[in-house]
Amino acid sequence: MNATLACVLALAAGTYVFRLAGPVLHGRVELPARVQEMLAVGATVLLVALLATGALTEGQGFAGWARPAGVLAGGVLAWRRAPFAVVVVGAAATTALLRLAGVR
């Protein structure tokens, strides 16, 4: 067995155990209210960081202004409770129109 296969099997086993821990520990471990609040905030911060990274960077540099503008347009549409398809199409159309206009 080579090292790569061993790593893949170890990661697969770890992932399975990690996923199994939720149903097994549900109801047995009580988290304090403060920890639950921090976990909720942490999830939000993680999602915002992923959004910012995806919207603002491409490769090792800045992605240009068209993509963040499209994300902003999609965010505004989502905030205004537009249907999901409208949010996606609005964000993509904003980015495409800006790139068509020469804005990178």
PDB file of N, CA and C in Angstrom:
ATOM      1  N   MET A   1       0.854  -1.174   0.000  1.00  0.00           N
ATOM      2  CA  MET A   1       0.000   0.000   0.000  1.00  0.00           C
ATOM      3  C   MET A   1       0.901   1.239   0.000  1.00  0.00           C
ATOM      4  N   ASN A   2       0.666   2.114  -0.943  1.00  0.00           N
ATOM      5  CA  ASN A   2       1.522   3.291  -0.982  1.00  0.00           C
ATOM      6  C   ASN A   2       1.000   4.378  -0.029  1.00  0.00           C
ATOM      7  N   ALA A   3       1.807   5.405   0.156  1.00  0.00           N
ATOM      8  CA  ALA A   3       1.490   6.444   1.141  1.00  0.00           C
ATOM      9  C   ALA A   3       0.253   7.238   0.750  1.00  0.00           C
ATOM     10  N   THR A   4       0.047   7.468  -0.532  1.00  0.00           N
ATOM     11  CA  THR A   4      -1.117   8.249  -0.957  1.00  0.00           C
ATOM     12  C   THR A   4      -2.414   7.524  -0.630  1.00  0.00           C
ATOM     13  N   LEU A   5      -2.453   6.239  -0.924  1.00  0.00           N
ATOM     14  CA  LEU A   5      -3.650   5.459  -0.612  1.00  0.00           C
ATOM     15  C   LEU A   5      -3.897   5.406   0.889  1.00  0.00           C
ATOM     16  N   ALA A   6      -2.820   5.285   1.675  1.00  0.00           N
ATOM     17  CA  ALA A   6      -2.958   5.273   3.136  1.00  0.00           C
ATOM     18  C   ALA A   6      -3.525   6.600   3.635  1.00  0.00           C
ATOM     19  N   CYS A   7      -3.055   7.712   3.047  1.00  0.00           N
ATOM     20  CA  CYS A   7      -3.573   9.036   3.445  1.00  0.00           C
ATOM     21  C   CYS A   7      -5.051   9.161   3.080  1.00  0.00           C
ATOM     22  N   VAL A   8      -5.412   8.720   1.901  1.00  0.00           N
ATOM     23  CA  VAL A   8      -6.811   8.806   1.475  1.00  0.00           C
ATOM     24  C   VAL A   8      -7.701   7.981   2.391  1.00  0.00           C
ATOM     25  N   LEU A   9      -7.265   6.775   2.731  1.00  0.00           N
ATOM     26  CA  LEU A   9      -8.056   5.924   3.618  1.00  0.00           C
ATOM     27  C   LEU A   9      -8.147   6.516   5.024  1.00  0.00           C
ATOM     28  N   ALA A  10      -7.052   7.091   5.516  1.00  0.00           N
ATOM     29  CA  ALA A  10      -7.081   7.717   6.843  1.00  0.00           C
ATOM     30  C   ALA A  10      -8.019   8.917   6.852  1.00  0.00           C
ATOM     31  N   LEU A  11      -7.973   9.745   5.812  1.00  0.00           N
ATOM     32  CA  LEU A  11      -8.868  10.906   5.738  1.00  0.00           C
ATOM     33  C   LEU A  11     -10.319  10.476   5.587  1.00  0.00           C
ATOM     34  N   ALA A  12     -10.565   9.425   4.815  1.00  0.00           N
ATOM     35  CA  ALA A  12     -11.936   8.925   4.663  1.00  0.00           C
ATOM     36  C   ALA A  12     -12.470   8.412   5.996  1.00  0.00           C
ATOM     37  N   ALA A  13     -11.635   7.677   6.716  1.00  0.00           N
ATOM     38  CA  ALA A  13     -12.060   7.160   8.023  1.00  0.00           C
ATOM     39  C   ALA A  13     -12.307   8.316   8.997  1.00  0.00           C
ATOM     40  N   GLY A  14     -11.425   9.312   8.999  1.00  0.00           N
ATOM     41  CA  GLY A  14     -11.615  10.470   9.877  1.00  0.00           C
ATOM     42  C   GLY A  14     -12.883  11.227   9.543  1.00  0.00           C
ATOM     43  N   THR A  15     -13.158  11.378   8.264  1.00  0.00           N
ATOM     44  CA  THR A  15     -14.372  12.077   7.847  1.00  0.00           C
ATOM     45  C   THR A  15     -15.609  11.302   8.292  1.00  0.00           C
ATOM     46  N   TYR A  16     -15.572   9.989   8.129  1.00  0.00           N
ATOM     47  CA  TYR A  16     -16.708   9.162   8.537  1.00  0.00           C
ATOM     48  C   TYR A  16     -16.936   9.255  10.042  1.00  0.00           C
ATOM     49  N   VAL A  17     -15.873   9.169  10.820  1.00  0.00           N
ATOM     50  CA  VAL A  17     -15.996   9.265  12.281  1.00  0.00           C
ATOM     51  C   VAL A  17     -16.508  10.644  12.679  1.00  0.00           C
ATOM     52  N   PHE A  18     -16.003  11.686  12.023  1.00  0.00           N
ATOM     53  CA  PHE A  18     -16.442  13.044  12.336  1.00  0.00           C
ATOM     54  C   PHE A  18     -17.927  13.213  12.030  1.00  0.00           C
ATOM     55  N   ARG A  19     -18.379  12.678  10.917  1.00  0.00           N
ATOM     56  CA  ARG A  19     -19.801  12.775  10.557  1.00  0.00           C
ATOM     57  C   ARG A  19     -20.664  11.913  11.471  1.00  0.00           C
ATOM     58  N   LEU A  20     -20.143  10.797  11.912  1.00  0.00           N
ATOM     59  CA  LEU A  20     -20.892   9.908  12.797  1.00  0.00           C
ATOM     60  C   LEU A  20     -21.006  10.488  14.209  1.00  0.00           C
ATOM     61  N   ALA A  21     -20.072  11.350  14.584  1.00  0.00           N
ATOM     62  CA  ALA A  21     -20.075  11.912  15.941  1.00  0.00           C
ATOM     63  C   ALA A  21     -21.331  12.741  16.204  1.00  0.00           C
ATOM     64  N   GLY A  22     -21.845  13.424  15.210  1.00  0.00           N
ATOM     65  CA  GLY A  22     -23.044  14.247  15.408  1.00  0.00           C
ATOM     66  C   GLY A  22     -24.243  13.434  15.869  1.00  0.00           C
ATOM     67  N   PRO A  23     -24.675  12.430  15.095  1.00  0.00           N
ATOM     68  CA  PRO A  23     -25.828  11.644  15.541  1.00  0.00           C
ATOM     69  C   PRO A  23     -25.576  10.871  16.830  1.00  0.00           C
ATOM     70  N   VAL A  24     -24.345  10.400  17.035  1.00  0.00           N
ATOM     71  CA  VAL A  24     -24.059   9.617  18.237  1.00  0.00           C
ATOM     72  C   VAL A  24     -24.083  10.500  19.480  1.00  0.00           C
ATOM     73  N   LEU A  25     -23.538  11.710  19.380  1.00  0.00           N
ATOM     74  CA  LEU A  25     -23.445  12.589  20.543  1.00  0.00           C
ATOM     75  C   LEU A  25     -24.660  13.486  20.724  1.00  0.00           C
ATOM     76  N   HIS A  26     -25.572  13.474  19.777  1.00  0.00           N
ATOM     77  CA  HIS A  26     -26.754  14.330  19.878  1.00  0.00           C
ATOM     78  C   HIS A  26     -27.550  13.976  21.137  1.00  0.00           C
ATOM     79  N   GLY A  27     -27.770  14.943  21.953  1.00  0.00           N
ATOM     80  CA  GLY A  27     -28.532  14.737  23.186  1.00  0.00           C
ATOM     81  C   GLY A  27     -27.680  14.304  24.363  1.00  0.00           C
ATOM     82  N   ARG A  28     -26.441  13.906  24.118  1.00  0.00           N
ATOM     83  CA  ARG A  28     -25.564  13.472  25.215  1.00  0.00           C
ATOM     84  C   ARG A  28     -24.641  14.578  25.685  1.00  0.00           C
ATOM     85  N   VAL A  29     -24.349  15.513  24.800  1.00  0.00           N
ATOM     86  CA  VAL A  29     -23.446  16.605  25.138  1.00  0.00           C
ATOM     87  C   VAL A  29     -24.247  17.898  25.088  1.00  0.00           C
ATOM     88  N   GLU A  30     -24.220  18.623  26.171  1.00  0.00           N
ATOM     89  CA  GLU A  30     -24.922  19.907  26.238  1.00  0.00           C
ATOM     90  C   GLU A  30     -23.901  21.040  26.178  1.00  0.00           C
ATOM     91  N   LEU A  31     -24.013  21.841  25.127  1.00  0.00           N
ATOM     92  CA  LEU A  31     -23.103  22.972  24.996  1.00  0.00           C
ATOM     93  C   LEU A  31     -23.683  24.181  25.717  1.00  0.00           C
ATOM     94  N   PRO A  32     -22.830  24.961  26.379  1.00  0.00           N
ATOM     95  CA  PRO A  32     -23.323  26.190  27.004  1.00  0.00           C
ATOM     96  C   PRO A  32     -23.887  27.144  25.947  1.00  0.00           C
ATOM     97  N   ALA A  33     -24.808  28.006  26.372  1.00  0.00           N
ATOM     98  CA  ALA A  33     -25.455  28.944  25.449  1.00  0.00           C
ATOM     99  C   ALA A  33     -24.439  29.844  24.760  1.00  0.00           C
ATOM    100  N   ARG A  34     -23.418  30.253  25.497  1.00  0.00           N
ATOM    101  CA  ARG A  34     -22.392  31.133  24.925  1.00  0.00           C
ATOM    102  C   ARG A  34     -21.638  30.416  23.799  1.00  0.00           C
ATOM    103  N   VAL A  35     -21.340  29.156  23.982  1.00  0.00           N
ATOM    104  CA  VAL A  35     -20.634  28.380  22.950  1.00  0.00           C
ATOM    105  C   VAL A  35     -21.531  28.212  21.725  1.00  0.00           C
ATOM    106  N   GLN A  36     -22.817  27.975  21.947  1.00  0.00           N
ATOM    107  CA  GLN A  36     -23.737  27.848  20.823  1.00  0.00           C
ATOM    108  C   GLN A  36     -23.819  29.150  20.025  1.00  0.00           C
ATOM    109  N   GLU A  37     -23.837  30.289  20.731  1.00  0.00           N
ATOM    110  CA  GLU A  37     -23.848  31.588  20.038  1.00  0.00           C
ATOM    111  C   GLU A  37     -22.574  31.767  19.225  1.00  0.00           C
ATOM    112  N   MET A  38     -21.434  31.410  19.828  1.00  0.00           N
ATOM    113  CA  MET A  38     -20.165  31.584  19.127  1.00  0.00           C
ATOM    114  C   MET A  38     -20.080  30.662  17.908  1.00  0.00           C
ATOM    115  N   LEU A  39     -20.622  29.467  17.991  1.00  0.00           N
ATOM    116  CA  LEU A  39     -20.631  28.567  16.834  1.00  0.00           C
ATOM    117  C   LEU A  39     -21.486  29.131  15.710  1.00  0.00           C
ATOM    118  N   ALA A  40     -22.620  29.736  16.058  1.00  0.00           N
ATOM    119  CA  ALA A  40     -23.477  30.346  15.035  1.00  0.00           C
ATOM    120  C   ALA A  40     -22.771  31.521  14.367  1.00  0.00           C
ATOM    121  N   VAL A  41     -22.124  32.349  15.162  1.00  0.00           N
ATOM    122  CA  VAL A  41     -21.381  33.486  14.600  1.00  0.00           C
ATOM    123  C   VAL A  41     -20.205  32.986  13.773  1.00  0.00           C
ATOM    124  N   GLY A  42     -19.537  31.949  14.250  1.00  0.00           N
ATOM    125  CA  GLY A  42     -18.400  31.390  13.523  1.00  0.00           C
ATOM    126  C   GLY A  42     -18.807  30.867  12.153  1.00  0.00           C
ATOM    127  N   ALA A  43     -19.957  30.236  12.070  1.00  0.00           N
ATOM    128  CA  ALA A  43     -20.435  29.745  10.772  1.00  0.00           C
ATOM    129  C   ALA A  43     -20.702  30.901   9.818  1.00  0.00           C
ATOM    130  N   THR A  44     -21.276  31.975  10.335  1.00  0.00           N
ATOM    131  CA  THR A  44     -21.539  33.145   9.499  1.00  0.00           C
ATOM    132  C   THR A  44     -20.234  33.776   9.020  1.00  0.00           C
ATOM    133  N   VAL A  45     -19.287  33.910   9.922  1.00  0.00           N
ATOM    134  CA  VAL A  45     -17.989  34.493   9.547  1.00  0.00           C
ATOM    135  C   VAL A  45     -17.291  33.627   8.501  1.00  0.00           C
ATOM    136  N   LEU A  46     -17.381  32.326   8.644  1.00  0.00           N
ATOM    137  CA  LEU A  46     -16.764  31.422   7.664  1.00  0.00           C
ATOM    138  C   LEU A  46     -17.410  31.584   6.290  1.00  0.00           C
ATOM    139  N   LEU A  47     -18.727  31.677   6.251  1.00  0.00           N
ATOM    140  CA  LEU A  47     -19.410  31.854   4.964  1.00  0.00           C
ATOM    141  C   LEU A  47     -19.053  33.196   4.325  1.00  0.00           C
ATOM    142  N   VAL A  48     -18.980  34.252   5.117  1.00  0.00           N
ATOM    143  CA  VAL A  48     -18.616  35.572   4.576  1.00  0.00           C
ATOM    144  C   VAL A  48     -17.177  35.549   4.058  1.00  0.00           C
ATOM    145  N   ALA A  49     -16.290  34.877   4.773  1.00  0.00           N
ATOM    146  CA  ALA A  49     -14.899  34.794   4.316  1.00  0.00           C
ATOM    147  C   ALA A  49     -14.798  34.029   2.999  1.00  0.00           C
ATOM    148  N   LEU A  50     -15.553  32.949   2.879  1.00  0.00           N
ATOM    149  CA  LEU A  50     -15.550  32.202   1.614  1.00  0.00           C
ATOM    150  C   LEU A  50     -16.120  33.048   0.484  1.00  0.00           C
ATOM    151  N   LEU A  51     -17.174  33.791   0.766  1.00  0.00           N
ATOM    152  CA  LEU A  51     -17.781  34.669  -0.236  1.00  0.00           C
ATOM    153  C   LEU A  51     -16.793  35.747  -0.671  1.00  0.00           C
ATOM    154  N   ALA A  52     -16.134  36.374   0.290  1.00  0.00           N
ATOM    155  CA  ALA A  52     -15.185  37.440  -0.042  1.00  0.00           C
ATOM    156  C   ALA A  52     -14.007  36.895  -0.841  1.00  0.00           C
ATOM    157  N   THR A  53     -13.510  35.748  -0.448  1.00  0.00           N
ATOM    158  CA  THR A  53     -12.378  35.155  -1.168  1.00  0.00           C
ATOM    159  C   THR A  53     -12.768  34.817  -2.603  1.00  0.00           C
ATOM    160  N   GLY A  54     -13.940  34.235  -2.771  1.00  0.00           N
ATOM    161  CA  GLY A  54     -14.394  33.864  -4.108  1.00  0.00           C
ATOM    162  C   GLY A  54     -14.740  35.057  -4.971  1.00  0.00           C
ATOM    163  N   ALA A  55     -15.226  36.131  -4.347  1.00  0.00           N
ATOM    164  CA  ALA A  55     -15.665  37.297  -5.107  1.00  0.00           C
ATOM    165  C   ALA A  55     -14.521  38.230  -5.449  1.00  0.00           C
ATOM    166  N   LEU A  56     -13.517  38.293  -4.594  1.00  0.00           N
ATOM    167  CA  LEU A  56     -12.497  39.319  -4.769  1.00  0.00           C
ATOM    168  C   LEU A  56     -11.181  38.823  -5.352  1.00  0.00           C
ATOM    169  N   THR A  57     -10.932  37.522  -5.315  1.00  0.00           N
ATOM    170  CA  THR A  57      -9.626  37.046  -5.766  1.00  0.00           C
ATOM    171  C   THR A  57      -9.774  36.054  -6.912  1.00  0.00           C
ATOM    172  N   GLU A  58      -8.759  36.055  -7.744  1.00  0.00           N
ATOM    173  CA  GLU A  58      -8.651  35.068  -8.821  1.00  0.00           C
ATOM    174  C   GLU A  58      -7.176  34.739  -8.958  1.00  0.00           C
ATOM    175  N   GLY A  59      -6.835  33.498  -8.752  1.00  0.00           N
ATOM    176  CA  GLY A  59      -5.414  33.132  -8.744  1.00  0.00           C
ATOM    177  C   GLY A  59      -4.756  33.759  -7.528  1.00  0.00           C
ATOM    178  N   GLN A  60      -3.749  34.559  -7.782  1.00  0.00           N
ATOM    179  CA  GLN A  60      -3.027  35.213  -6.689  1.00  0.00           C
ATOM    180  C   GLN A  60      -3.348  36.694  -6.578  1.00  0.00           C
ATOM    181  N   GLY A  61      -4.266  37.201  -7.420  1.00  0.00           N
ATOM    182  CA  GLY A  61      -4.501  38.635  -7.418  1.00  0.00           C
ATOM    183  C   GLY A  61      -5.964  39.006  -7.337  1.00  0.00           C
ATOM    184  N   PHE A  62      -6.195  40.274  -7.532  1.00  0.00           N
ATOM    185  CA  PHE A  62      -7.539  40.833  -7.487  1.00  0.00           C
ATOM    186  C   PHE A  62      -8.317  40.392  -8.727  1.00  0.00           C
ATOM    187  N   ALA A  63      -9.575  40.031  -8.552  1.00  0.00           N
ATOM    188  CA  ALA A  63     -10.389  39.504  -9.648  1.00  0.00           C
ATOM    189  C   ALA A  63     -10.928  40.594 -10.559  1.00  0.00           C
ATOM    190  N   GLY A  64     -10.821  41.825 -10.167  1.00  0.00           N
ATOM    191  CA  GLY A  64     -11.389  42.915 -10.954  1.00  0.00           C
ATOM    192  C   GLY A  64     -12.691  43.378 -10.324  1.00  0.00           C
ATOM    193  N   TRP A  65     -13.262  44.420 -10.884  1.00  0.00           N
ATOM    194  CA  TRP A  65     -14.455  45.027 -10.273  1.00  0.00           C
ATOM    195  C   TRP A  65     -15.760  44.401 -10.724  1.00  0.00           C
ATOM    196  N   ALA A  66     -15.766  43.718 -11.867  1.00  0.00           N
ATOM    197  CA  ALA A  66     -17.021  43.162 -12.387  1.00  0.00           C
ATOM    198  C   ALA A  66     -17.574  42.073 -11.475  1.00  0.00           C
ATOM    199  N   ARG A  67     -16.727  41.195 -11.011  1.00  0.00           N
ATOM    200  CA  ARG A  67     -17.203  40.090 -10.171  1.00  0.00           C
ATOM    201  C   ARG A  67     -17.732  40.575  -8.825  1.00  0.00           C
ATOM    202  N   PRO A  68     -17.010  41.414  -8.094  1.00  0.00           N
ATOM    203  CA  PRO A  68     -17.590  41.912  -6.838  1.00  0.00           C
ATOM    204  C   PRO A  68     -18.885  42.686  -7.054  1.00  0.00           C
ATOM    205  N   ALA A  69     -18.975  43.409  -8.180  1.00  0.00           N
ATOM    206  CA  ALA A  69     -20.225  44.128  -8.461  1.00  0.00           C
ATOM    207  C   ALA A  69     -21.373  43.149  -8.695  1.00  0.00           C
ATOM    208  N   GLY A  70     -21.095  42.040  -9.374  1.00  0.00           N
ATOM    209  CA  GLY A  70     -22.119  41.010  -9.571  1.00  0.00           C
ATOM    210  C   GLY A  70     -22.540  40.372  -8.257  1.00  0.00           C
ATOM    211  N   VAL A  71     -21.560  40.113  -7.396  1.00  0.00           N
ATOM    212  CA  VAL A  71     -21.881  39.546  -6.077  1.00  0.00           C
ATOM    213  C   VAL A  71     -22.707  40.547  -5.276  1.00  0.00           C
ATOM    214  N   LEU A  72     -22.341  41.813  -5.368  1.00  0.00           N
ATOM    215  CA  LEU A  72     -23.114  42.849  -4.661  1.00  0.00           C
ATOM    216  C   LEU A  72     -24.548  42.909  -5.190  1.00  0.00           C
ATOM    217  N   ALA A  73     -24.699  42.839  -6.511  1.00  0.00           N
ATOM    218  CA  ALA A  73     -26.050  42.851  -7.088  1.00  0.00           C
ATOM    219  C   ALA A  73     -26.845  41.634  -6.623  1.00  0.00           C
ATOM    220  N   GLY A  74     -26.202  40.474  -6.598  1.00  0.00           N
ATOM    221  CA  GLY A  74     -26.875  39.273  -6.099  1.00  0.00           C
ATOM    222  C   GLY A  74     -27.234  39.389  -4.637  1.00  0.00           C
ATOM    223  N   GLY A  75     -26.341  40.001  -3.849  1.00  0.00           N
ATOM    224  CA  GLY A  75     -26.633  40.195  -2.431  1.00  0.00           C
ATOM    225  C   GLY A  75     -27.816  41.113  -2.210  1.00  0.00           C
ATOM    226  N   VAL A  76     -27.881  42.179  -3.006  1.00  0.00           N
ATOM    227  CA  VAL A  76     -29.018  43.110  -2.882  1.00  0.00           C
ATOM    228  C   VAL A  76     -30.316  42.413  -3.263  1.00  0.00           C
ATOM    229  N   LEU A  77     -30.270  41.623  -4.346  1.00  0.00           N
ATOM    230  CA  LEU A  77     -31.474  40.893  -4.761  1.00  0.00           C
ATOM    231  C   LEU A  77     -31.905  39.883  -3.698  1.00  0.00           C
ATOM    232  N   ALA A  78     -30.927  39.204  -3.094  1.00  0.00           N
ATOM    233  CA  ALA A  78     -31.263  38.248  -2.032  1.00  0.00           C
ATOM    234  C   ALA A  78     -31.825  38.967  -0.819  1.00  0.00           C
ATOM    235  N   TRP A  79     -31.248  40.105  -0.500  1.00  0.00           N
ATOM    236  CA  TRP A  79     -31.727  40.900   0.637  1.00  0.00           C
ATOM    237  C   TRP A  79     -33.162  41.366   0.405  1.00  0.00           C
ATOM    238  N   ARG A  80     -33.485  41.656  -0.851  1.00  0.00           N
ATOM    239  CA  ARG A  80     -34.841  42.084  -1.192  1.00  0.00           C
ATOM    240  C   ARG A  80     -35.781  40.888  -1.388  1.00  0.00           C
ATOM    241  N   ARG A  81     -35.286  39.705  -1.054  1.00  0.00           N
ATOM    242  CA  ARG A  81     -36.047  38.454  -1.086  1.00  0.00           C
ATOM    243  C   ARG A  81     -36.533  38.077  -2.489  1.00  0.00           C
ATOM    244  N   ALA A  82     -35.683  38.310  -3.466  1.00  0.00           N
ATOM    245  CA  ALA A  82     -35.986  37.877  -4.831  1.00  0.00           C
ATOM    246  C   ALA A  82     -35.836  36.355  -4.898  1.00  0.00           C
ATOM    247  N   PRO A  83     -36.531  35.698  -5.806  1.00  0.00           N
ATOM    248  CA  PRO A  83     -36.357  34.245  -5.970  1.00  0.00           C
ATOM    249  C   PRO A  83     -34.905  33.904  -6.310  1.00  0.00           C
ATOM    250  N   PHE A  84     -34.500  32.696  -5.930  1.00  0.00           N
ATOM    251  CA  PHE A  84     -33.104  32.285  -6.092  1.00  0.00           C
ATOM    252  C   PHE A  84     -32.643  32.408  -7.533  1.00  0.00           C
ATOM    253  N   ALA A  85     -33.475  31.994  -8.478  1.00  0.00           N
ATOM    254  CA  ALA A  85     -33.087  32.066  -9.890  1.00  0.00           C
ATOM    255  C   ALA A  85     -32.845  33.518 -10.303  1.00  0.00           C
ATOM    256  N   VAL A  86     -33.644  34.432  -9.805  1.00  0.00           N
ATOM    257  CA  VAL A  86     -33.463  35.851 -10.125  1.00  0.00           C
ATOM    258  C   VAL A  86     -32.149  36.360  -9.533  1.00  0.00           C
ATOM    259  N   VAL A  87     -31.829  35.911  -8.339  1.00  0.00           N
ATOM    260  CA  VAL A  87     -30.569  36.319  -7.700  1.00  0.00           C
ATOM    261  C   VAL A  87     -29.382  35.860  -8.535  1.00  0.00           C
ATOM    262  N   VAL A  88     -29.397  34.593  -8.949  1.00  0.00           N
ATOM    263  CA  VAL A  88     -28.271  34.041  -9.712  1.00  0.00           C
ATOM    264  C   VAL A  88     -28.168  34.719 -11.073  1.00  0.00           C
ATOM    265  N   VAL A  89     -29.289  34.844 -11.764  1.00  0.00           N
ATOM    266  CA  VAL A  89     -29.268  35.452 -13.097  1.00  0.00           C
ATOM    267  C   VAL A  89     -28.909  36.937 -12.992  1.00  0.00           C
ATOM    268  N   GLY A  90     -29.413  37.622 -11.985  1.00  0.00           N
ATOM    269  CA  GLY A  90     -29.086  39.044 -11.809  1.00  0.00           C
ATOM    270  C   GLY A  90     -27.603  39.251 -11.548  1.00  0.00           C
ATOM    271  N   ALA A  91     -27.015  38.406 -10.705  1.00  0.00           N
ATOM    272  CA  ALA A  91     -25.586  38.526 -10.407  1.00  0.00           C
ATOM    273  C   ALA A  91     -24.752  38.222 -11.648  1.00  0.00           C
ATOM    274  N   ALA A  92     -25.111  37.161 -12.361  1.00  0.00           N
ATOM    275  CA  ALA A  92     -24.360  36.800 -13.568  1.00  0.00           C
ATOM    276  C   ALA A  92     -24.525  37.861 -14.647  1.00  0.00           C
ATOM    277  N   ALA A  93     -25.727  38.387 -14.803  1.00  0.00           N
ATOM    278  CA  ALA A  93     -25.971  39.408 -15.831  1.00  0.00           C
ATOM    279  C   ALA A  93     -25.209  40.695 -15.510  1.00  0.00           C
ATOM    280  N   THR A  94     -25.176  41.060 -14.247  1.00  0.00           N
ATOM    281  CA  THR A  94     -24.423  42.262 -13.859  1.00  0.00           C
ATOM    282  C   THR A  94     -22.946  42.101 -14.190  1.00  0.00           C
ATOM    283  N   THR A  95     -22.387  40.965 -13.837  1.00  0.00           N
ATOM    284  CA  THR A  95     -20.974  40.719 -14.131  1.00  0.00           C
ATOM    285  C   THR A  95     -20.728  40.693 -15.636  1.00  0.00           C
ATOM    286  N   ALA A  96     -21.590  40.015 -16.365  1.00  0.00           N
ATOM    287  CA  ALA A  96     -21.408  39.911 -17.816  1.00  0.00           C
ATOM    288  C   ALA A  96     -21.519  41.277 -18.491  1.00  0.00           C
ATOM    289  N   LEU A  97     -22.491  42.075 -18.083  1.00  0.00           N
ATOM    290  CA  LEU A  97     -22.664  43.394 -18.703  1.00  0.00           C
ATOM    291  C   LEU A  97     -21.484  44.315 -18.394  1.00  0.00           C
ATOM    292  N   LEU A  98     -20.985  44.231 -17.173  1.00  0.00           N
ATOM    293  CA  LEU A  98     -19.814  45.054 -16.842  1.00  0.00           C
ATOM    294  C   LEU A  98     -18.592  44.614 -17.646  1.00  0.00           C
ATOM    295  N   ARG A  99     -18.408  43.310 -17.806  1.00  0.00           N
ATOM    296  CA  ARG A  99     -17.272  42.832 -18.604  1.00  0.00           C
ATOM    297  C   ARG A  99     -17.451  43.189 -20.069  1.00  0.00           C
ATOM    298  N   LEU A 100     -18.697  43.143 -20.559  1.00  0.00           N
ATOM    299  CA  LEU A 100     -18.979  43.541 -21.928  1.00  0.00           C
ATOM    300  C   LEU A 100     -18.684  45.018 -22.136  1.00  0.00           C
ATOM    301  N   ALA A 101     -18.906  45.803 -21.102  1.00  0.00           N
ATOM    302  CA  ALA A 101     -18.626  47.243 -21.169  1.00  0.00           C
ATOM    303  C   ALA A 101     -17.145  47.558 -20.990  1.00  0.00           C
ATOM    304  N   GLY A 102     -16.346  46.529 -20.739  1.00  0.00           N
ATOM    305  CA  GLY A 102     -14.906  46.761 -20.623  1.00  0.00           C
ATOM    306  C   GLY A 102     -14.406  46.857 -19.205  1.00  0.00           C
ATOM    307  N   VAL A 103     -15.287  46.707 -18.240  1.00  0.00           N
ATOM    308  CA  VAL A 103     -14.855  46.737 -16.840  1.00  0.00           C
ATOM    309  C   VAL A 103     -14.361  45.354 -16.496  1.00  0.00           C
ATOM    310  N   ARG A 104     -13.173  45.250 -16.053  1.00  0.00           N
ATOM    311  CA  ARG A 104     -12.626  43.927 -15.728  1.00  0.00           C
ATOM    312  C   ARG A 104     -12.996  43.523 -14.337  1.00  0.00           C
TER     313      ARG A 104
END
